[in-house]
Amino acid sequence: MRDLLLGITIAFFSLPGIGMNGTGPAQAEEFRRLSMAEYRDKMAGGWIGQMAGVGWGGPTEFQWQGAIIPADKMPVWKPEMINQFHQDDIYVEMTFLRTLEIHGWDVSLRQAGIDFANSGYPLWHANKAGRDNMRAGIAPPDSGHPKFNHHADDIDYQIEADFSGLIAPGMPNLAIELGEKFGRLMNYGDGLYGGQFVGGMYAEAFFQDSPIQLVEAGLKCIPAQSQYAECIRDTIAWSKQYPNDWEKTWQQINAKYQDNPAYRRFSCDRGKFNIDAKINGAYIVMGLLYGQGDMDKTIIIATRCGQDSDCNPANAGGILGTVLGRERMPDKFKSAIDPDGKFSHTPYTLPTLIEVSEKLVRQAVVRAGGRIEKDPGDREVLVIPIQDPKPSQFEQCFQPGPTADSRFTPDEMAKIKAEKSK
């Protein structure tokens, strides 16, 4: 009798929606499913959204510092603006894609550094400092450590992190891992978290279209006690306080994260110029929250917030582009795309970029414990394990932990062929 009752109990709690503790629904499934066709559409939309954002905001970059760009100074969109093949806001991250394509997902941090050290494009701020460090023999993660990199809180990896979510649909821990592999080349603390936050939003954008839920998903990917997370939480709170007045929210952000030195303790410049990851991350969020799913509004608001006003709309436009996908994106952002245009310093056109992203995502899903199935129509479906984000360790550029005492060996230095920086 006892065995019979036990069997009935187990059968009852095995029913869909019934938890073994009897307190409520259990997780309905352990996997998310995304057709390869939908993945391809959304991933392409993400790349195109980046191109749209940087193209539209490009003429305004750092022209307004600590000031909102007047509405009549916002450039007028022209379809040919989409062909942004010479923008470092896009092509730098393709160096990381190339590293993954050639060396695989388990490529070492040091090999990633060697590849970045061999890049031939001009760089600035944390990117330049990190690459200079590596060319001088300081290997990652020390190349991005505040002791050696005085730009470690700058926006650089945040600009370049789009790729990390576009090849990690529904896999936030992969976006975090990619930050540890590529963000460490040039950033630390909030500078690193900005990229992991952006990557986390992209990863969720394949399954979620609510701007606030995308932002909250990104927040789960970074340490809650960081100033970066505080800045994003503030931006969310102020957007709820002033739901119809984004300029009022901008004023609150500017007062705390531009004018208050407590939140600029590792800024490379304490004046109106502000390339700190935090405030520019807030402007990405401004575009998403106040843009309400509209591509024009999202890019315009992220741009008009000022400071790095081509990078921020590129991130915001890319995230929303992933939500919409290429098919649902307004025609004016697609009609003039040059399929043969090659991104500077890369082997990629937009079609080949889409191909390599698809190749990498197939590997990523299997590596994460998922699989690729066929649906009844013989179409491929990505079966992606559900993940709880596990953020990186907490650290702050103005109170950094110890260095790793990491130096390239003579054999590794011999692989760095690029001319050493002067």
Protein backbone atom coordinates (compact mmCIF):
# COMPACT_ATOMS: atom_id res chain seq x y z
CA MET A 1 0.00 0.00 0.00
CA ARG A 2 2.82 2.36 0.91
CA ASP A 3 4.52 1.71 -2.45
CA LEU A 4 1.24 2.35 -4.26
CA LEU A 5 0.75 5.70 -2.51
CA LEU A 6 4.35 6.67 -3.22
CA GLY A 7 3.87 5.86 -6.88
CA ILE A 8 0.71 7.97 -7.07
CA THR A 9 2.50 10.88 -5.37
CA ILE A 10 5.43 10.76 -7.77
CA ALA A 11 3.05 10.52 -10.73
CA PHE A 12 1.10 13.55 -9.51
CA PHE A 13 4.17 15.71 -9.05
CA SER A 14 5.49 14.59 -12.41
CA LEU A 15 2.55 16.24 -14.15
CA PRO A 16 3.40 19.39 -16.17
CA GLY A 17 3.43 22.50 -14.03
CA ILE A 18 3.59 20.70 -10.68
CA GLY A 19 6.71 21.13 -8.56
CA MET A 20 8.07 18.36 -6.34
CA ASN A 21 7.94 20.69 -3.35
CA GLY A 22 4.21 21.19 -3.97
CA THR A 23 4.51 24.98 -3.73
CA GLY A 24 3.96 25.93 -7.35
CA PRO A 25 4.82 25.37 -10.99
CA ALA A 26 8.12 23.81 -11.91
CA GLN A 27 10.15 25.13 -14.85
CA ALA A 28 8.15 24.01 -17.88
CA GLU A 29 11.20 23.17 -19.98
CA GLU A 30 14.96 23.20 -19.72
CA PHE A 31 15.56 24.36 -23.27
CA ARG A 32 14.54 27.17 -25.57
CA ARG A 33 13.99 26.47 -29.25
CA LEU A 34 14.94 28.81 -32.05
CA SER A 35 14.69 27.84 -35.69
CA MET A 36 17.86 28.38 -37.66
CA ALA A 37 15.89 30.52 -40.10
CA GLU A 38 14.72 32.79 -37.27
CA TYR A 39 18.20 32.91 -35.80
CA ARG A 40 19.63 33.95 -39.16
CA ASP A 41 16.98 36.65 -39.60
CA LYS A 42 17.47 38.12 -36.13
CA MET A 43 21.27 37.90 -36.21
CA ALA A 44 21.33 39.68 -39.58
CA GLY A 45 18.98 42.30 -38.13
CA GLY A 46 21.46 42.82 -35.29
CA TRP A 47 24.36 43.50 -37.63
CA ILE A 48 22.26 45.80 -39.81
CA GLY A 49 20.91 47.63 -36.74
CA GLN A 50 24.48 48.39 -35.68
CA MET A 51 25.25 49.75 -39.13
CA ALA A 52 22.13 51.92 -39.02
CA GLY A 53 22.91 53.32 -35.58
CA VAL A 54 26.52 54.20 -36.26
CA GLY A 55 25.70 55.57 -39.70
CA TRP A 56 22.93 57.83 -38.46
CA GLY A 57 24.73 59.02 -35.35
CA GLY A 58 28.20 59.22 -36.89
CA PRO A 59 28.22 62.94 -37.83
CA THR A 60 27.40 63.89 -34.22
CA GLU A 61 30.10 61.86 -32.40
CA PHE A 62 31.36 63.83 -29.37
CA GLN A 63 30.08 67.07 -30.88
CA TRP A 64 27.81 67.47 -27.83
CA GLN A 65 29.43 66.74 -24.47
CA GLY A 66 27.32 67.09 -21.36
CA ALA A 67 24.50 68.44 -23.51
CA ILE A 68 21.48 67.08 -25.38
CA ILE A 69 21.76 67.32 -29.15
CA PRO A 70 19.04 69.72 -30.39
CA ALA A 71 16.38 68.01 -32.45
CA ASP A 72 17.17 70.15 -35.51
CA LYS A 73 20.82 69.05 -35.38
CA MET A 74 19.95 65.38 -35.73
CA PRO A 75 21.08 64.23 -39.19
CA VAL A 76 18.44 63.25 -41.71
CA TRP A 77 18.56 59.54 -42.50
CA LYS A 78 19.47 58.58 -46.04
CA PRO A 79 19.37 54.90 -47.08
CA GLU A 80 22.99 54.94 -48.29
CA MET A 81 24.11 55.72 -44.72
CA ILE A 82 23.71 52.01 -43.97
CA ASN A 83 26.96 51.09 -45.73
CA GLN A 84 29.26 51.53 -42.74
CA PHE A 85 32.20 49.37 -43.75
CA HIS A 86 34.89 51.69 -42.38
CA GLN A 87 33.59 52.22 -38.86
CA ASP A 88 35.76 50.97 -36.00
CA ASP A 89 32.53 50.69 -33.97
CA ILE A 90 31.78 47.61 -36.09
CA TYR A 91 34.92 46.14 -37.62
CA VAL A 92 37.03 45.89 -34.44
CA GLU A 93 34.74 43.22 -32.99
CA MET A 94 35.19 41.22 -36.18
CA THR A 95 38.79 40.63 -35.11
CA PHE A 96 37.32 38.63 -32.22
CA LEU A 97 35.00 36.74 -34.55
CA ARG A 98 37.97 35.89 -36.73
CA THR A 99 39.89 34.59 -33.72
CA LEU A 100 36.98 32.29 -32.86
CA GLU A 101 36.60 31.19 -36.47
CA ILE A 102 40.27 30.25 -36.79
CA HIS A 103 41.15 28.99 -33.30
CA GLY A 104 37.80 27.75 -32.02
CA TRP A 105 35.73 28.44 -28.93
CA ASP A 106 38.42 27.34 -26.49
CA VAL A 107 41.03 29.73 -27.84
CA SER A 108 43.28 31.00 -25.06
CA LEU A 109 43.19 34.53 -23.72
CA ARG A 110 46.82 34.89 -24.78
CA GLN A 111 46.11 33.88 -28.39
CA ALA A 112 43.20 36.33 -28.46
CA GLY A 113 45.68 38.97 -27.33
CA ILE A 114 48.20 38.07 -30.01
CA ASP A 115 45.52 38.37 -32.69
CA PHE A 116 44.40 41.74 -31.38
CA ALA A 117 48.01 42.92 -31.12
CA ASN A 118 48.43 42.09 -34.81
CA SER A 119 45.43 44.20 -35.88
CA GLY A 120 46.32 46.97 -38.29
CA TYR A 121 43.61 49.59 -37.72
CA PRO A 122 43.99 52.81 -35.70
CA LEU A 123 42.68 52.68 -32.13
CA TRP A 124 42.00 55.01 -29.24
CA HIS A 125 41.55 54.95 -25.47
CA ALA A 126 41.34 51.51 -23.80
CA ASN A 127 41.71 49.68 -27.11
CA LYS A 128 44.91 51.52 -27.99
CA ALA A 129 46.34 51.24 -24.49
CA GLY A 130 45.58 47.53 -24.37
CA ARG A 131 47.08 46.85 -27.78
CA ASP A 132 50.13 48.98 -26.99
CA ASN A 133 50.59 46.97 -23.81
CA MET A 134 50.46 43.67 -25.67
CA ARG A 135 52.85 44.86 -28.35
CA ALA A 136 55.21 45.80 -25.54
CA GLY A 137 54.93 42.31 -24.04
CA ILE A 138 52.28 42.85 -21.34
CA ALA A 139 49.92 39.94 -21.89
CA PRO A 140 46.23 39.84 -21.01
CA PRO A 141 44.62 40.15 -18.56
CA ASP A 142 47.25 42.67 -17.44
CA SER A 143 46.90 44.54 -20.75
CA GLY A 144 43.52 45.72 -19.47
CA HIS A 145 44.45 46.10 -15.79
CA PRO A 146 44.23 49.66 -14.39
CA LYS A 147 47.89 49.55 -13.36
CA PHE A 148 48.88 49.40 -17.02
CA ASN A 149 45.79 50.77 -18.74
CA HIS A 150 44.56 54.18 -17.61
CA HIS A 151 41.51 53.86 -19.85
CA ALA A 152 40.25 50.60 -18.35
CA ASP A 153 36.82 52.08 -17.46
CA ASP A 154 36.32 53.52 -20.93
CA ILE A 155 33.65 52.43 -23.37
CA ASP A 156 35.79 50.29 -25.67
CA TYR A 157 34.64 46.72 -25.04
CA GLN A 158 31.06 47.98 -24.67
CA ILE A 159 31.31 49.25 -28.25
CA GLU A 160 32.60 45.91 -29.48
CA ALA A 161 30.50 43.44 -27.49
CA ASP A 162 27.60 43.15 -29.94
CA PHE A 163 29.18 40.05 -31.49
CA SER A 164 29.17 38.26 -28.14
CA GLY A 165 25.38 38.21 -27.92
CA LEU A 166 24.74 37.74 -31.62
CA ILE A 167 26.50 34.37 -31.50
CA ALA A 168 25.07 33.44 -28.09
CA PRO A 169 21.26 33.45 -28.48
CA GLY A 170 19.70 32.66 -25.11
CA MET A 171 23.15 31.90 -23.66
CA PRO A 172 24.06 34.81 -21.35
CA ASN A 173 26.91 32.89 -19.75
CA LEU A 174 28.55 32.60 -23.13
CA ALA A 175 28.34 36.38 -23.56
CA ILE A 176 29.92 36.74 -20.11
CA GLU A 177 32.64 34.24 -21.01
CA LEU A 178 33.42 36.09 -24.22
CA GLY A 179 33.83 39.25 -22.17
CA GLU A 180 36.39 37.46 -20.02
CA LYS A 181 38.21 36.40 -23.18
CA PHE A 182 38.08 39.55 -25.29
CA GLY A 183 37.02 42.34 -22.92
CA ARG A 184 40.03 41.59 -20.71
CA LEU A 185 42.33 42.60 -23.55
CA MET A 186 41.60 46.26 -22.88
CA ASN A 187 39.13 46.71 -20.01
CA TYR A 188 38.53 45.97 -16.32
CA GLY A 189 35.67 46.49 -13.85
CA ASP A 190 32.89 48.67 -15.20
CA GLY A 191 34.64 48.85 -18.56
CA LEU A 192 34.34 45.07 -18.82
CA TYR A 193 30.82 44.94 -17.37
CA GLY A 194 29.52 47.37 -20.00
CA GLY A 195 30.33 44.86 -22.72
CA GLN A 196 28.89 41.93 -20.78
CA PHE A 197 25.72 43.96 -20.16
CA VAL A 198 25.37 44.68 -23.88
CA GLY A 199 26.12 41.06 -24.78
CA GLY A 200 23.50 39.87 -22.31
CA MET A 201 20.84 42.10 -23.88
CA TYR A 202 21.65 40.80 -27.35
CA ALA A 203 21.50 37.20 -26.14
CA GLU A 204 18.00 37.76 -24.75
CA ALA A 205 16.82 39.77 -27.78
CA PHE A 206 16.37 36.51 -29.73
CA PHE A 207 13.55 35.56 -27.34
CA GLN A 208 12.26 38.80 -25.83
CA ASP A 209 10.87 42.00 -27.33
CA SER A 210 10.15 44.02 -24.17
CA PRO A 211 12.80 46.76 -23.79
CA ILE A 212 12.64 46.77 -19.99
CA GLN A 213 13.01 42.99 -19.84
CA LEU A 214 15.98 43.16 -22.20
CA VAL A 215 17.66 45.70 -19.95
CA GLU A 216 16.91 43.62 -16.86
CA ALA A 217 18.36 40.56 -18.59
CA GLY A 218 21.56 42.48 -19.26
CA LEU A 219 21.71 43.57 -15.61
CA LYS A 220 21.72 39.94 -14.50
CA CYS A 221 24.99 39.47 -16.37
CA ILE A 222 27.03 41.92 -14.27
CA PRO A 223 27.81 42.30 -10.54
CA ALA A 224 24.90 44.02 -8.79
CA GLN A 225 27.23 46.02 -6.51
CA SER A 226 29.09 47.65 -9.41
CA GLN A 227 28.66 51.34 -10.24
CA TYR A 228 27.70 50.27 -13.74
CA ALA A 229 24.75 48.26 -12.44
CA GLU A 230 23.80 51.17 -10.19
CA CYS A 231 23.77 53.48 -13.20
CA ILE A 232 21.48 51.19 -15.18
CA ARG A 233 19.13 50.71 -12.21
CA ASP A 234 18.98 54.49 -11.81
CA THR A 235 18.17 54.91 -15.49
CA ILE A 236 15.33 52.41 -15.20
CA ALA A 237 13.96 54.14 -12.08
CA TRP A 238 14.11 57.60 -13.62
CA SER A 239 12.48 56.38 -16.82
CA LYS A 240 9.57 55.14 -14.71
CA GLN A 241 9.45 58.43 -12.83
CA TYR A 242 9.45 60.43 -16.08
CA PRO A 243 7.87 58.04 -18.59
CA ASN A 244 7.03 60.76 -21.10
CA ASP A 245 10.08 63.00 -20.70
CA TRP A 246 13.38 61.38 -21.66
CA GLU A 247 15.17 64.71 -21.37
CA LYS A 248 14.29 64.87 -17.67
CA THR A 249 15.81 61.43 -17.19
CA TRP A 250 18.87 62.59 -19.13
CA GLN A 251 19.26 65.48 -16.67
CA GLN A 252 19.25 63.07 -13.72
CA ILE A 253 21.86 60.88 -15.39
CA ASN A 254 24.04 63.87 -16.23
CA ALA A 255 23.90 65.24 -12.68
CA LYS A 256 25.02 61.96 -11.10
CA TYR A 257 27.23 60.30 -13.69
CA GLN A 258 28.71 63.34 -15.43
CA ASP A 259 28.98 66.02 -12.71
CA ASN A 260 29.56 63.89 -9.59
CA PRO A 261 33.27 62.95 -9.32
CA ALA A 262 32.41 59.93 -7.15
CA TYR A 263 31.18 58.24 -10.32
CA ARG A 264 34.14 59.31 -12.45
CA ARG A 265 36.97 58.15 -10.22
CA PHE A 266 38.75 56.40 -13.09
CA SER A 267 37.59 58.57 -15.98
CA CYS A 268 40.38 59.40 -18.39
CA ASP A 269 39.00 62.95 -18.56
CA ARG A 270 37.11 64.81 -15.82
CA GLY A 271 35.69 67.56 -18.05
CA LYS A 272 32.61 67.55 -20.25
CA PHE A 273 34.13 64.86 -22.46
CA ASN A 274 32.96 61.55 -20.99
CA ILE A 275 33.89 58.24 -22.57
CA ASP A 276 33.26 56.29 -19.38
CA ALA A 277 31.31 53.09 -20.02
CA LYS A 278 28.63 53.84 -17.40
CA ILE A 279 27.11 57.03 -18.73
CA ASN A 280 27.26 55.86 -22.32
CA GLY A 281 25.63 52.59 -21.26
CA ALA A 282 22.83 54.64 -19.73
CA TYR A 283 22.33 56.33 -23.09
CA ILE A 284 21.96 52.94 -24.80
CA VAL A 285 19.26 52.11 -22.26
CA MET A 286 17.60 55.50 -22.83
CA GLY A 287 17.25 54.69 -26.51
CA LEU A 288 15.77 51.28 -25.82
CA LEU A 289 13.34 52.28 -23.07
CA TYR A 290 12.06 55.50 -24.59
CA GLY A 291 12.27 54.20 -28.16
CA GLN A 292 9.52 51.69 -27.32
CA GLY A 293 10.46 49.26 -30.06
CA ASP A 294 10.58 51.86 -32.83
CA MET A 295 13.91 51.86 -34.69
CA ASP A 296 13.84 55.56 -35.56
CA LYS A 297 12.99 56.70 -32.03
CA THR A 298 15.51 54.32 -30.47
CA ILE A 299 18.42 55.52 -32.59
CA ILE A 300 17.44 59.19 -32.40
CA ILE A 301 17.18 59.25 -28.59
CA ALA A 302 20.40 57.28 -28.08
CA THR A 303 22.12 59.72 -30.43
CA ARG A 304 20.66 62.91 -28.99
CA CYS A 305 21.92 61.97 -25.50
CA GLY A 306 25.33 63.05 -26.80
CA GLN A 307 28.87 61.99 -25.85
CA ASP A 308 29.78 58.86 -27.89
CA SER A 309 26.73 59.42 -30.02
CA ASP A 310 27.50 56.99 -32.80
CA CYS A 311 28.56 54.03 -30.65
CA ASN A 312 25.55 54.23 -28.33
CA PRO A 313 22.92 54.21 -31.10
CA ALA A 314 24.89 51.41 -32.78
CA ASN A 315 24.47 49.27 -29.66
CA ALA A 316 20.83 50.26 -29.20
CA GLY A 317 20.03 49.86 -32.89
CA GLY A 318 21.72 46.47 -32.98
CA ILE A 319 19.80 45.16 -29.99
CA LEU A 320 16.48 46.35 -31.40
CA GLY A 321 17.49 45.08 -34.84
CA THR A 322 17.92 41.65 -33.27
CA VAL A 323 14.45 41.86 -31.75
CA LEU A 324 12.89 42.85 -35.07
CA GLY A 325 15.00 40.73 -37.39
CA ARG A 326 15.92 41.68 -40.91
CA GLU A 327 12.48 40.92 -42.33
CA ARG A 328 10.60 43.22 -39.95
CA MET A 329 13.13 46.04 -40.08
CA PRO A 330 11.96 49.17 -41.93
CA ASP A 331 12.92 49.09 -45.62
CA LYS A 332 14.84 52.35 -45.41
CA PHE A 333 17.50 50.54 -43.37
CA LYS A 334 17.81 47.68 -45.88
CA SER A 335 17.15 49.03 -49.35
CA ALA A 336 20.64 50.36 -50.10
CA ILE A 337 22.85 47.71 -48.47
CA ASP A 338 25.87 46.87 -50.59
CA PRO A 339 26.26 43.07 -50.32
CA ASP A 340 29.78 43.28 -51.74
CA GLY A 341 31.04 45.94 -49.36
CA LYS A 342 33.90 44.57 -47.25
CA PHE A 343 34.33 45.65 -43.65
CA SER A 344 37.69 47.36 -43.27
CA HIS A 345 40.59 45.23 -42.01
CA THR A 346 38.44 42.06 -42.18
CA PRO A 347 37.70 39.31 -44.72
CA TYR A 348 33.96 39.84 -44.22
CA THR A 349 31.14 41.25 -46.32
CA LEU A 350 27.69 41.31 -44.75
CA PRO A 351 26.75 37.95 -46.34
CA THR A 352 30.00 36.28 -45.19
CA LEU A 353 29.64 37.87 -41.75
CA ILE A 354 26.22 36.25 -41.49
CA GLU A 355 27.71 32.93 -42.60
CA VAL A 356 30.50 32.93 -40.01
CA SER A 357 28.06 33.94 -37.25
CA GLU A 358 25.84 31.00 -38.20
CA LYS A 359 28.85 28.65 -38.19
CA LEU A 360 29.89 29.81 -34.74
CA VAL A 361 26.41 29.62 -33.22
CA ARG A 362 26.07 25.99 -34.27
CA GLN A 363 29.25 25.22 -32.37
CA ALA A 364 28.20 27.36 -29.42
CA VAL A 365 24.88 25.61 -28.89
CA VAL A 366 26.46 22.16 -28.85
CA ARG A 367 29.32 23.37 -26.64
CA ALA A 368 26.73 24.68 -24.13
CA GLY A 369 25.02 21.29 -23.93
CA GLY A 370 22.33 21.92 -26.53
CA ARG A 371 21.70 20.36 -29.89
CA ILE A 372 20.43 20.98 -33.39
CA GLU A 373 17.23 19.16 -34.33
CA LYS A 374 14.97 18.96 -37.36
CA ASP A 375 11.34 19.98 -37.14
CA PRO A 376 8.54 18.10 -38.99
CA GLY A 377 9.29 20.20 -42.07
CA ASP A 378 12.95 19.10 -42.01
CA ARG A 379 14.06 22.59 -40.94
CA GLU A 380 16.86 23.01 -38.44
CA VAL A 381 16.07 24.14 -34.90
CA LEU A 382 18.56 25.25 -32.27
CA VAL A 383 17.75 23.62 -28.92
CA ILE A 384 19.39 25.92 -26.40
CA PRO A 385 19.85 25.15 -22.68
CA ILE A 386 18.26 27.68 -20.35
CA GLN A 387 20.95 29.43 -18.31
CA ASP A 388 20.98 31.47 -15.13
CA PRO A 389 23.58 34.20 -15.66
CA LYS A 390 26.73 33.94 -13.55
CA PRO A 391 28.45 37.35 -13.57
CA SER A 392 32.18 37.87 -13.42
CA GLN A 393 33.84 38.69 -10.12
CA PHE A 394 33.31 42.16 -8.69
CA GLU A 395 36.16 44.61 -9.19
CA GLN A 396 36.62 48.39 -9.50
CA CYS A 397 39.18 50.27 -11.55
CA PHE A 398 39.75 52.81 -8.78
CA GLN A 399 40.44 50.03 -6.25
CA PRO A 400 41.86 47.26 -8.43
CA GLY A 401 42.93 43.84 -7.34
CA PRO A 402 46.43 42.49 -7.94
CA THR A 403 47.86 42.09 -11.42
CA ALA A 404 48.43 38.65 -12.90
CA ASP A 405 52.09 39.38 -13.65
CA SER A 406 51.33 38.19 -17.16
CA ARG A 407 53.96 38.63 -19.88
CA PHE A 408 54.27 37.16 -23.33
CA THR A 409 57.08 34.68 -23.81
CA PRO A 410 59.73 35.29 -26.50
CA ASP A 411 57.99 32.71 -28.71
CA GLU A 412 54.67 34.52 -28.29
CA MET A 413 56.26 37.89 -28.99
CA ALA A 414 57.64 36.45 -32.22
CA LYS A 415 54.05 35.89 -33.34
CA ILE A 416 53.25 39.60 -32.99
CA LYS A 417 54.20 40.87 -36.41
CA ALA A 418 52.58 44.30 -36.24
CA GLU A 419 54.84 47.29 -35.95
CA LYS A 420 55.37 48.19 -32.32
CA SER A 421 53.64 51.40 -31.29
CA LYS A 422 55.82 54.43 -30.75
